[in-house]
Amino acid sequence: MFLSNRRIALMHLCLIGMEAIWITPFWLAIYTPAPAPWVALGILFAGLLAWSLTLELLGRADIRSPLYDMIALGLMVVTSLLVVHATLYRGWPVSEPGWLGQMVRDIANFTGGFPPAVGLIAVSLFLWQRATSATSRDLSFFNVGASFRLGLLLLIGGAALLAYARGKSVTSFLWLYFALGLTAVAVARISEKAAEAQSVGMLLPKRRLEQLLLAVGVTVGSAWLLSSVYTPADIRHFLRLFDPLWNLLRPLGYAILLMIARLLDPFFLWLDAQIAALFRNRVLQLPQLGAVAPSTTQPNPFEKLPIWIPNLLANGLLAIAILIAIITGVVLLLIYLERVRKGGLSDEAEDEGTERATFGDGVLRRGLAAVQNVASLIRRFGLGGHLLAAVSVQNIYANLCRLARERGYPRRPAQPPDAYLPVLVQAFAGYEEPLARITAAYMRVHYGDHPVTMAELSRLREDYRAVRDSEWRIHESANQ
């Protein structure tokens, strides 16, 4: 995780920051007295980061269960109590057990409302759960994107709850969340594309990291600047610039509406006559309601009970609910800890290579290559059926290479199609002739000026469907 390569460490750091951001509004809305928003965010982020590092070090120590679970639970209990002491009982020496007794008495006293110590312990255990979950998190592009979207919804909900309960605004959190989320999603996407293409070189060189952070900063900064301009007052000021146009169009619009009303006037008169005919000579009668019998008041048997009995029952139910919540949280943490222990933590080595990183140059080069390819096809085959057939052949061959890459037979960069044909035959055994026809047709349209007829294109499509269906049959048999 954090002790692995910088790509994984950066994604985990961004994801922990995102979780701390969306947790902060809920904490500020529930806990009293609440600290300043940025102070609370710093506390939660530091706690998540420290506990995630602790669990990572504990996982790397190769400690077996049940000793691993006992150490982790001990750390959770000790840190939760230390959080309560630092927040509520800092006047007591931490080595003196008197503050523990006072904490128990304060928790048992339900007349003062919800005990703050219980809230702090619940938040601490929740942060431990999030830190435990982070150590076994899947860093694929889909999962990182899902975490980004879910966290954004939770941040919006927590901010609305905080504004309603406390009247505080945490809009500034949104920009930091976007910066962290976009960084994590971009790094996950870069890693996924690099793994699929089997590219040589490290997955996130230093220069690429700098360009990525610059792109995120420019994106979020531009959005922030636009949001400062895109306000109701500025919009009204902009619309006032068109007042002469509105004054010119207002009489015209009024005349158009008046003309439409005159055209529809006969219809409304006819509709009014039909409705009047339906209700003519009809009287609505309400049913007669019977007299309501006077209610007889019955004596309340609970009025004779002493007042301390309902209070005792309410306090008992609240204590049971708190106990069940704590036990449930501990059980969930044990499940996560066992999952982390079994999964283990391993370093992911990054190969230091000489990959050249450019700011968006890859996208521009691919787009320029696509434009050049289309221009070359138009120059050689003109506008018509031969051009569409050539584009279709290129798409068929590209999809064929994609299927082969998914089977573990990728085409090397700059590898000629005829040299790649034996690899395709290995990937799709039994389809030598269809593969040879598709390869030959691709070489004709990509390197030569020989067009493909519509009959040949139909045959090539049948060949590709046969190869593709073989891929589906393999997946179906594997699932069965």
Foldseek 3Di string as FASTA:
>chain_A
DCPFDPLLNLLLLLLLLLVLLLVQLQCPLPAPPHDDSVVSSVVLSVLLVVLLVVLQVLLVVLDDPPVSVVVLVVVLVVVLVVQCCVPPPVVDPPVDCPVVVVLVVQCLPPVVPHRNSLVSSVVSLVSNLVSLCSLVDDLALVRLVVSLVVSVVSSVVSQVSSCVRPVDHDPVSVLSSQLSSQLSNVSNVLVVVCVLVVDDAFSADPVNSVLSSVVSCVVSVVVVVVVVCPDPVNVVVVVVVCVVVCVVCVVVVVVVVVVVCVVCVVVVVVVVVVVCVVCPPDDDDDDDDDDDDDDDDDDDPCVPDDPVVVVVVVSVVVVVVSVVVVVVSSVSSSVSSVVDSVVGDDHDDTGHDDDDDDNCVVVVVVVVVVVVQLVVLCVLPNPDDLSVLLVLLVVLVVVLQVLLSVQPQHDDPPHQLVNSLVSSCVSQPPLSPLSVLSSVQNCCSRVHSDTDDPVSSVVNVVSSVVSVVVSVVVVVVVVD
